[in-house]
Amino acid sequence: MPRGKTELSLTKREMDVMTILWESNTPLVASEITKMDDSLNINTVQAVIRKLLDKKYIEVADIVYSGTVLTRSYRPTLSKKEMTVQRFIRQFQENDKVSIPNLVTTLLKHEKNEREVIEELEVMLEERKKLLKQKEE
């Protein structure tokens, strides 16, 4: 999860690089990132990497050889799912006209297994109630 800046908006190029890193099973060096997307050049990737490092969305995973030269490899510090959830939370907090019950109801309307999700939510709500009760005592 990002530490430091909480800005969750990414430019198209930043998102392109993040997507490549998310889809990779191993850390990548800048030159490998450019090979995975023909629209990216090395200068763009290096600039984007600096920005993503500043935002703490990626980190240096290792120093490795790229040919005969030592270079840094990078990996994301948060998953695509974590990024989506953080962006959602931020947007939700900025819009005070949406209540949590209305939000949950709307999300449930679009759920394929609505009954199963409701049952799962009921269990989670009971656990949450117990936790809140323990804190009050």
N, C-alpha and C. Protein backbone atom coordinates (compact mmCIF):
# COMPACT_ATOMS: atom_id res chain seq x y z
N MET A 1 0.84 -1.17 0.00
CA MET A 1 0.00 0.00 0.00
C MET A 1 0.89 1.24 0.00
N PRO A 2 0.50 2.27 -0.71
CA PRO A 2 1.38 3.42 -0.79
C PRO A 2 1.56 4.09 0.56
N ARG A 3 2.78 4.45 0.83
CA ARG A 3 3.10 5.18 2.04
C ARG A 3 3.60 6.54 1.59
N GLY A 4 3.16 7.57 2.21
CA GLY A 4 3.55 8.89 1.75
C GLY A 4 2.37 9.53 1.05
N LYS A 5 2.54 9.90 -0.21
CA LYS A 5 1.46 10.54 -0.95
C LYS A 5 0.27 9.59 -1.05
N THR A 6 -0.92 10.16 -0.96
CA THR A 6 -2.12 9.35 -1.10
C THR A 6 -2.81 9.63 -2.42
N GLU A 7 -2.13 10.32 -3.32
CA GLU A 7 -2.70 10.61 -4.64
C GLU A 7 -2.82 9.31 -5.42
N LEU A 8 -4.03 8.96 -5.78
CA LEU A 8 -4.25 7.69 -6.44
C LEU A 8 -4.56 7.84 -7.92
N SER A 9 -4.42 9.03 -8.45
CA SER A 9 -4.67 9.20 -9.86
C SER A 9 -3.38 8.95 -10.63
N LEU A 10 -3.48 8.19 -11.67
CA LEU A 10 -2.33 7.87 -12.50
C LEU A 10 -2.57 8.37 -13.91
N THR A 11 -1.49 8.82 -14.54
CA THR A 11 -1.59 9.18 -15.95
C THR A 11 -1.73 7.90 -16.77
N LYS A 12 -2.04 8.05 -18.03
CA LYS A 12 -2.17 6.88 -18.90
C LYS A 12 -0.86 6.10 -18.93
N ARG A 13 0.26 6.80 -19.07
CA ARG A 13 1.56 6.13 -19.13
C ARG A 13 1.91 5.45 -17.81
N GLU A 14 1.58 6.10 -16.69
CA GLU A 14 1.82 5.47 -15.40
C GLU A 14 0.99 4.19 -15.26
N MET A 15 -0.25 4.26 -15.72
CA MET A 15 -1.11 3.08 -15.67
C MET A 15 -0.58 1.98 -16.59
N ASP A 16 -0.07 2.37 -17.77
CA ASP A 16 0.51 1.39 -18.69
C ASP A 16 1.66 0.63 -18.02
N VAL A 17 2.55 1.36 -17.38
CA VAL A 17 3.70 0.73 -16.72
C VAL A 17 3.23 -0.12 -15.53
N MET A 18 2.30 0.40 -14.74
CA MET A 18 1.79 -0.38 -13.61
C MET A 18 1.14 -1.68 -14.09
N THR A 19 0.38 -1.61 -15.16
CA THR A 19 -0.27 -2.80 -15.69
C THR A 19 0.75 -3.85 -16.10
N ILE A 20 1.81 -3.41 -16.75
CA ILE A 20 2.87 -4.34 -17.15
C ILE A 20 3.50 -4.98 -15.92
N LEU A 21 3.77 -4.18 -14.91
CA LEU A 21 4.37 -4.72 -13.68
C LEU A 21 3.41 -5.67 -12.96
N TRP A 22 2.12 -5.33 -12.93
CA TRP A 22 1.14 -6.21 -12.29
C TRP A 22 1.04 -7.55 -13.01
N GLU A 23 1.15 -7.52 -14.33
CA GLU A 23 0.99 -8.75 -15.10
C GLU A 23 2.25 -9.62 -15.12
N SER A 24 3.36 -9.08 -14.67
CA SER A 24 4.62 -9.82 -14.66
C SER A 24 4.75 -10.63 -13.37
N ASN A 25 5.25 -11.84 -13.50
CA ASN A 25 5.47 -12.68 -12.32
C ASN A 25 6.78 -12.35 -11.62
N THR A 26 7.63 -11.58 -12.30
CA THR A 26 8.93 -11.24 -11.75
C THR A 26 9.17 -9.74 -11.88
N PRO A 27 10.05 -9.18 -11.07
CA PRO A 27 10.40 -7.77 -11.23
C PRO A 27 11.01 -7.52 -12.61
N LEU A 28 10.80 -6.32 -13.14
CA LEU A 28 11.27 -5.99 -14.48
C LEU A 28 12.20 -4.79 -14.46
N VAL A 29 13.14 -4.77 -15.39
CA VAL A 29 13.97 -3.58 -15.61
C VAL A 29 13.29 -2.73 -16.67
N ALA A 30 13.68 -1.46 -16.76
CA ALA A 30 13.03 -0.52 -17.68
C ALA A 30 13.03 -1.03 -19.11
N SER A 31 14.13 -1.60 -19.56
CA SER A 31 14.21 -2.06 -20.95
C SER A 31 13.23 -3.21 -21.22
N GLU A 32 12.96 -4.04 -20.22
CA GLU A 32 11.99 -5.13 -20.38
C GLU A 32 10.57 -4.56 -20.50
N ILE A 33 10.31 -3.49 -19.76
CA ILE A 33 8.99 -2.86 -19.82
C ILE A 33 8.74 -2.32 -21.23
N THR A 34 9.75 -1.69 -21.83
CA THR A 34 9.57 -1.14 -23.19
C THR A 34 9.32 -2.25 -24.20
N LYS A 35 9.89 -3.42 -23.98
CA LYS A 35 9.69 -4.55 -24.91
C LYS A 35 8.28 -5.11 -24.84
N MET A 36 7.60 -4.87 -23.73
CA MET A 36 6.26 -5.40 -23.55
C MET A 36 5.17 -4.50 -24.10
N ASP A 37 5.53 -3.27 -24.42
CA ASP A 37 4.58 -2.31 -25.00
C ASP A 37 5.32 -1.45 -26.01
N ASP A 38 5.04 -1.66 -27.29
CA ASP A 38 5.74 -0.94 -28.36
C ASP A 38 5.52 0.56 -28.33
N SER A 39 4.45 1.01 -27.67
CA SER A 39 4.18 2.44 -27.63
C SER A 39 5.04 3.18 -26.59
N LEU A 40 5.76 2.42 -25.78
CA LEU A 40 6.61 3.02 -24.74
C LEU A 40 8.06 3.05 -25.21
N ASN A 41 8.73 4.17 -24.98
CA ASN A 41 10.17 4.20 -25.25
C ASN A 41 10.91 4.29 -23.92
N ILE A 42 12.20 4.04 -23.94
CA ILE A 42 12.98 3.95 -22.73
C ILE A 42 12.96 5.25 -21.92
N ASN A 43 12.99 6.40 -22.59
CA ASN A 43 12.96 7.68 -21.87
C ASN A 43 11.65 7.88 -21.12
N THR A 44 10.55 7.53 -21.78
CA THR A 44 9.24 7.64 -21.14
C THR A 44 9.17 6.71 -19.94
N VAL A 45 9.59 5.47 -20.12
CA VAL A 45 9.53 4.48 -19.03
C VAL A 45 10.38 4.94 -17.85
N GLN A 46 11.56 5.44 -18.11
CA GLN A 46 12.42 5.89 -17.01
C GLN A 46 11.79 7.07 -16.25
N ALA A 47 11.16 7.99 -16.98
CA ALA A 47 10.50 9.12 -16.33
C ALA A 47 9.30 8.63 -15.50
N VAL A 48 8.54 7.72 -16.05
CA VAL A 48 7.38 7.18 -15.34
C VAL A 48 7.82 6.41 -14.10
N ILE A 49 8.88 5.65 -14.23
CA ILE A 49 9.40 4.89 -13.08
C ILE A 49 9.78 5.85 -11.95
N ARG A 50 10.43 6.95 -12.27
CA ARG A 50 10.79 7.93 -11.24
C ARG A 50 9.54 8.45 -10.52
N LYS A 51 8.50 8.75 -11.29
CA LYS A 51 7.25 9.25 -10.69
C LYS A 51 6.59 8.19 -9.81
N LEU A 52 6.56 6.95 -10.30
CA LEU A 52 5.95 5.87 -9.54
C LEU A 52 6.74 5.57 -8.27
N LEU A 53 8.05 5.69 -8.34
CA LEU A 53 8.88 5.53 -7.14
C LEU A 53 8.57 6.63 -6.13
N ASP A 54 8.44 7.87 -6.61
CA ASP A 54 8.11 9.00 -5.73
C ASP A 54 6.76 8.79 -5.05
N LYS A 55 5.81 8.25 -5.79
CA LYS A 55 4.47 8.00 -5.25
C LYS A 55 4.42 6.74 -4.39
N LYS A 56 5.51 5.97 -4.38
CA LYS A 56 5.63 4.73 -3.61
C LYS A 56 4.71 3.62 -4.13
N TYR A 57 4.40 3.65 -5.42
CA TYR A 57 3.59 2.59 -6.03
C TYR A 57 4.46 1.44 -6.52
N ILE A 58 5.74 1.70 -6.70
CA ILE A 58 6.68 0.66 -7.07
C ILE A 58 7.90 0.81 -6.17
N GLU A 59 8.72 -0.24 -6.17
CA GLU A 59 9.95 -0.20 -5.42
C GLU A 59 11.04 -0.91 -6.20
N VAL A 60 12.28 -0.64 -5.83
CA VAL A 60 13.40 -1.35 -6.44
C VAL A 60 13.42 -2.73 -5.81
N ALA A 61 13.29 -3.74 -6.66
CA ALA A 61 13.27 -5.12 -6.18
C ALA A 61 14.68 -5.66 -6.01
N ASP A 62 15.56 -5.28 -6.95
CA ASP A 62 16.91 -5.84 -6.95
C ASP A 62 17.78 -5.06 -7.92
N ILE A 63 19.07 -5.26 -7.80
CA ILE A 63 20.02 -4.76 -8.78
C ILE A 63 20.47 -5.99 -9.57
N VAL A 64 20.24 -5.96 -10.88
CA VAL A 64 20.52 -7.13 -11.72
C VAL A 64 21.32 -6.72 -12.94
N TYR A 65 21.88 -7.71 -13.60
CA TYR A 65 22.57 -7.46 -14.86
C TYR A 65 21.56 -7.44 -16.00
N SER A 66 21.66 -6.41 -16.82
CA SER A 66 20.92 -6.34 -18.07
C SER A 66 22.00 -6.33 -19.14
N GLY A 67 22.26 -7.48 -19.69
CA GLY A 67 23.44 -7.61 -20.57
C GLY A 67 24.66 -7.59 -19.68
N THR A 68 25.53 -6.60 -19.91
CA THR A 68 26.74 -6.48 -19.09
C THR A 68 26.66 -5.31 -18.11
N VAL A 69 25.49 -4.67 -18.03
CA VAL A 69 25.32 -3.47 -17.20
C VAL A 69 24.42 -3.79 -16.01
N LEU A 70 24.81 -3.28 -14.85
CA LEU A 70 23.95 -3.41 -13.68
C LEU A 70 22.81 -2.40 -13.78
N THR A 71 21.60 -2.86 -13.46
CA THR A 71 20.42 -1.99 -13.51
C THR A 71 19.43 -2.40 -12.44
N ARG A 72 18.52 -1.53 -12.14
CA ARG A 72 17.50 -1.81 -11.13
C ARG A 72 16.32 -2.55 -11.76
N SER A 73 15.77 -3.47 -11.00
CA SER A 73 14.50 -4.09 -11.40
C SER A 73 13.44 -3.59 -10.44
N TYR A 74 12.21 -3.51 -10.93
CA TYR A 74 11.11 -2.88 -10.18
C TYR A 74 9.93 -3.84 -10.04
N ARG A 75 9.22 -3.65 -8.94
CA ARG A 75 7.98 -4.39 -8.71
C ARG A 75 6.97 -3.45 -8.05
N PRO A 76 5.69 -3.72 -8.24
CA PRO A 76 4.66 -2.87 -7.61
C PRO A 76 4.62 -3.11 -6.10
N THR A 77 4.28 -2.08 -5.35
CA THR A 77 4.14 -2.22 -3.91
C THR A 77 2.69 -2.47 -3.49
N LEU A 78 1.77 -2.34 -4.45
CA LEU A 78 0.38 -2.66 -4.18
C LEU A 78 -0.20 -3.33 -5.41
N SER A 79 -1.17 -4.19 -5.18
CA SER A 79 -1.79 -4.92 -6.27
C SER A 79 -2.80 -4.03 -7.00
N LYS A 80 -3.21 -4.51 -8.15
CA LYS A 80 -4.23 -3.78 -8.91
C LYS A 80 -5.52 -3.70 -8.10
N LYS A 81 -5.84 -4.77 -7.40
CA LYS A 81 -7.04 -4.80 -6.57
C LYS A 81 -6.93 -3.77 -5.45
N GLU A 82 -5.78 -3.69 -4.78
CA GLU A 82 -5.58 -2.72 -3.72
C GLU A 82 -5.71 -1.29 -4.25
N MET A 83 -5.15 -1.06 -5.43
CA MET A 83 -5.23 0.27 -6.05
C MET A 83 -6.69 0.63 -6.32
N THR A 84 -7.44 -0.30 -6.86
CA THR A 84 -8.85 -0.06 -7.18
C THR A 84 -9.64 0.25 -5.91
N VAL A 85 -9.41 -0.53 -4.86
CA VAL A 85 -10.11 -0.31 -3.60
C VAL A 85 -9.76 1.05 -3.01
N GLN A 86 -8.49 1.42 -3.03
CA GLN A 86 -8.07 2.72 -2.48
C GLN A 86 -8.69 3.88 -3.27
N ARG A 87 -8.72 3.74 -4.59
CA ARG A 87 -9.34 4.79 -5.41
C ARG A 87 -10.82 4.90 -5.10
N PHE A 88 -11.47 3.74 -4.96
CA PHE A 88 -12.90 3.71 -4.66
C PHE A 88 -13.17 4.38 -3.31
N ILE A 89 -12.40 4.03 -2.31
CA ILE A 89 -12.59 4.60 -0.97
C ILE A 89 -12.43 6.12 -1.02
N ARG A 90 -11.42 6.57 -1.74
CA ARG A 90 -11.18 8.01 -1.83
C ARG A 90 -12.37 8.71 -2.49
N GLN A 91 -12.87 8.15 -3.59
CA GLN A 91 -14.02 8.76 -4.27
C GLN A 91 -15.26 8.71 -3.38
N PHE A 92 -15.44 7.62 -2.66
CA PHE A 92 -16.59 7.48 -1.78
C PHE A 92 -16.54 8.52 -0.67
N GLN A 93 -15.36 8.72 -0.09
CA GLN A 93 -15.21 9.69 1.00
C GLN A 93 -15.44 11.12 0.51
N GLU A 94 -15.13 11.38 -0.74
CA GLU A 94 -15.31 12.73 -1.28
C GLU A 94 -16.77 13.02 -1.62
N ASN A 95 -17.60 11.98 -1.75
CA ASN A 95 -19.00 12.16 -2.09
C ASN A 95 -19.85 11.83 -0.88
N ASP A 96 -20.19 12.83 -0.08
CA ASP A 96 -20.92 12.59 1.16
C ASP A 96 -22.41 12.36 0.95
N LYS A 97 -22.87 12.36 -0.29
CA LYS A 97 -24.29 12.17 -0.57
C LYS A 97 -24.65 10.69 -0.73
N VAL A 98 -23.64 9.83 -0.75
CA VAL A 98 -23.88 8.40 -0.91
C VAL A 98 -23.71 7.72 0.45
N SER A 99 -24.77 7.04 0.88
CA SER A 99 -24.69 6.32 2.16
C SER A 99 -24.20 4.91 1.91
N ILE A 100 -23.62 4.32 2.92
CA ILE A 100 -23.11 2.95 2.78
C ILE A 100 -24.24 1.97 2.47
N PRO A 101 -25.38 2.04 3.15
CA PRO A 101 -26.48 1.11 2.78
C PRO A 101 -26.91 1.26 1.31
N ASN A 102 -27.02 2.50 0.82
CA ASN A 102 -27.39 2.68 -0.58
C ASN A 102 -26.33 2.12 -1.51
N LEU A 103 -25.08 2.31 -1.15
CA LEU A 103 -23.99 1.79 -1.95
C LEU A 103 -24.02 0.27 -2.01
N VAL A 104 -24.19 -0.37 -0.87
CA VAL A 104 -24.23 -1.83 -0.81
C VAL A 104 -25.42 -2.36 -1.60
N THR A 105 -26.55 -1.72 -1.46
CA THR A 105 -27.75 -2.15 -2.20
C THR A 105 -27.52 -2.06 -3.70
N THR A 106 -26.92 -0.98 -4.14
CA THR A 106 -26.64 -0.82 -5.57
C THR A 106 -25.66 -1.88 -6.06
N LEU A 107 -24.63 -2.13 -5.28
CA LEU A 107 -23.65 -3.15 -5.67
C LEU A 107 -24.29 -4.53 -5.73
N LEU A 108 -25.18 -4.82 -4.78
CA LEU A 108 -25.84 -6.12 -4.76
C LEU A 108 -26.72 -6.34 -5.99
N LYS A 109 -27.33 -5.28 -6.48
CA LYS A 109 -28.18 -5.38 -7.67
C LYS A 109 -27.38 -5.88 -8.87
N HIS A 110 -26.08 -5.64 -8.87
CA HIS A 110 -25.24 -6.02 -9.99
C HIS A 110 -24.45 -7.31 -9.72
N GLU A 111 -24.74 -7.95 -8.62
CA GLU A 111 -24.04 -9.17 -8.23
C GLU A 111 -24.72 -10.38 -8.83
N LYS A 112 -23.95 -11.31 -9.38
CA LYS A 112 -24.51 -12.52 -9.98
C LYS A 112 -25.11 -13.44 -8.92
N ASN A 113 -24.41 -13.61 -7.82
CA ASN A 113 -24.85 -14.50 -6.74
C ASN A 113 -25.28 -13.66 -5.54
N GLU A 114 -26.32 -12.90 -5.74
CA GLU A 114 -26.75 -11.94 -4.73
C GLU A 114 -27.06 -12.60 -3.38
N ARG A 115 -27.77 -13.72 -3.41
CA ARG A 115 -28.15 -14.39 -2.16
C ARG A 115 -26.91 -14.84 -1.38
N GLU A 116 -25.94 -15.42 -2.06
CA GLU A 116 -24.70 -15.87 -1.40
C GLU A 116 -23.92 -14.69 -0.82
N VAL A 117 -23.88 -13.61 -1.56
CA VAL A 117 -23.16 -12.42 -1.09
C VAL A 117 -23.85 -11.83 0.13
N ILE A 118 -25.18 -11.81 0.12
CA ILE A 118 -25.93 -11.31 1.28
C ILE A 118 -25.62 -12.15 2.51
N GLU A 119 -25.60 -13.47 2.34
CA GLU A 119 -25.29 -14.35 3.47
C GLU A 119 -23.86 -14.10 3.97
N GLU A 120 -22.95 -13.92 3.07
CA GLU A 120 -21.56 -13.63 3.45
C GLU A 120 -21.48 -12.29 4.19
N LEU A 121 -22.21 -11.31 3.70
CA LEU A 121 -22.24 -10.00 4.35
C LEU A 121 -22.84 -10.09 5.76
N GLU A 122 -23.87 -10.91 5.91
CA GLU A 122 -24.48 -11.07 7.22
C GLU A 122 -23.48 -11.62 8.23
N VAL A 123 -22.70 -12.60 7.81
CA VAL A 123 -21.66 -13.16 8.69
C VAL A 123 -20.63 -12.09 9.04
N MET A 124 -20.21 -11.34 8.04
CA MET A 124 -19.22 -10.29 8.27
C MET A 124 -19.77 -9.20 9.20
N LEU A 125 -21.03 -8.86 9.03
CA LEU A 125 -21.65 -7.85 9.88
C LEU A 125 -21.75 -8.33 11.34
N GLU A 126 -22.07 -9.59 11.52
CA GLU A 126 -22.13 -10.13 12.88
C GLU A 126 -20.75 -10.09 13.54
N GLU A 127 -19.73 -10.44 12.77
CA GLU A 127 -18.35 -10.38 13.30
C GLU A 127 -17.98 -8.94 13.65
N ARG A 128 -18.40 -8.02 12.81
CA ARG A 128 -18.10 -6.61 13.05
C ARG A 128 -18.84 -6.11 14.31
N LYS A 129 -20.08 -6.53 14.48
CA LYS A 129 -20.84 -6.16 15.67
C LYS A 129 -20.14 -6.65 16.93
N LYS A 130 -19.66 -7.91 16.91
CA LYS A 130 -18.95 -8.47 18.07
C LYS A 130 -17.70 -7.66 18.38
N LEU A 131 -16.98 -7.27 17.35
CA LEU A 131 -15.76 -6.49 17.53
C LEU A 131 -16.08 -5.13 18.15
N LEU A 132 -17.13 -4.48 17.66
CA LEU A 132 -17.53 -3.19 18.20
C LEU A 132 -17.99 -3.32 19.65
N LYS A 133 -18.69 -4.39 19.95
CA LYS A 133 -19.15 -4.62 21.33
C LYS A 133 -17.97 -4.82 22.26
N GLN A 134 -16.95 -5.54 21.81
CA GLN A 134 -15.75 -5.76 22.62
C GLN A 134 -15.03 -4.43 22.89
N LYS A 135 -14.99 -3.56 21.90
CA LYS A 135 -14.33 -2.27 22.07
C LYS A 135 -15.07 -1.40 23.07
N GLU A 136 -16.40 -1.52 23.11
CA GLU A 136 -17.21 -0.72 24.03
C GLU A 136 -17.05 -1.16 25.47
N GLU A 137 -16.71 -2.42 25.68
CA GLU A 137 -16.61 -2.96 27.04
C GLU A 137 -15.30 -2.63 27.69
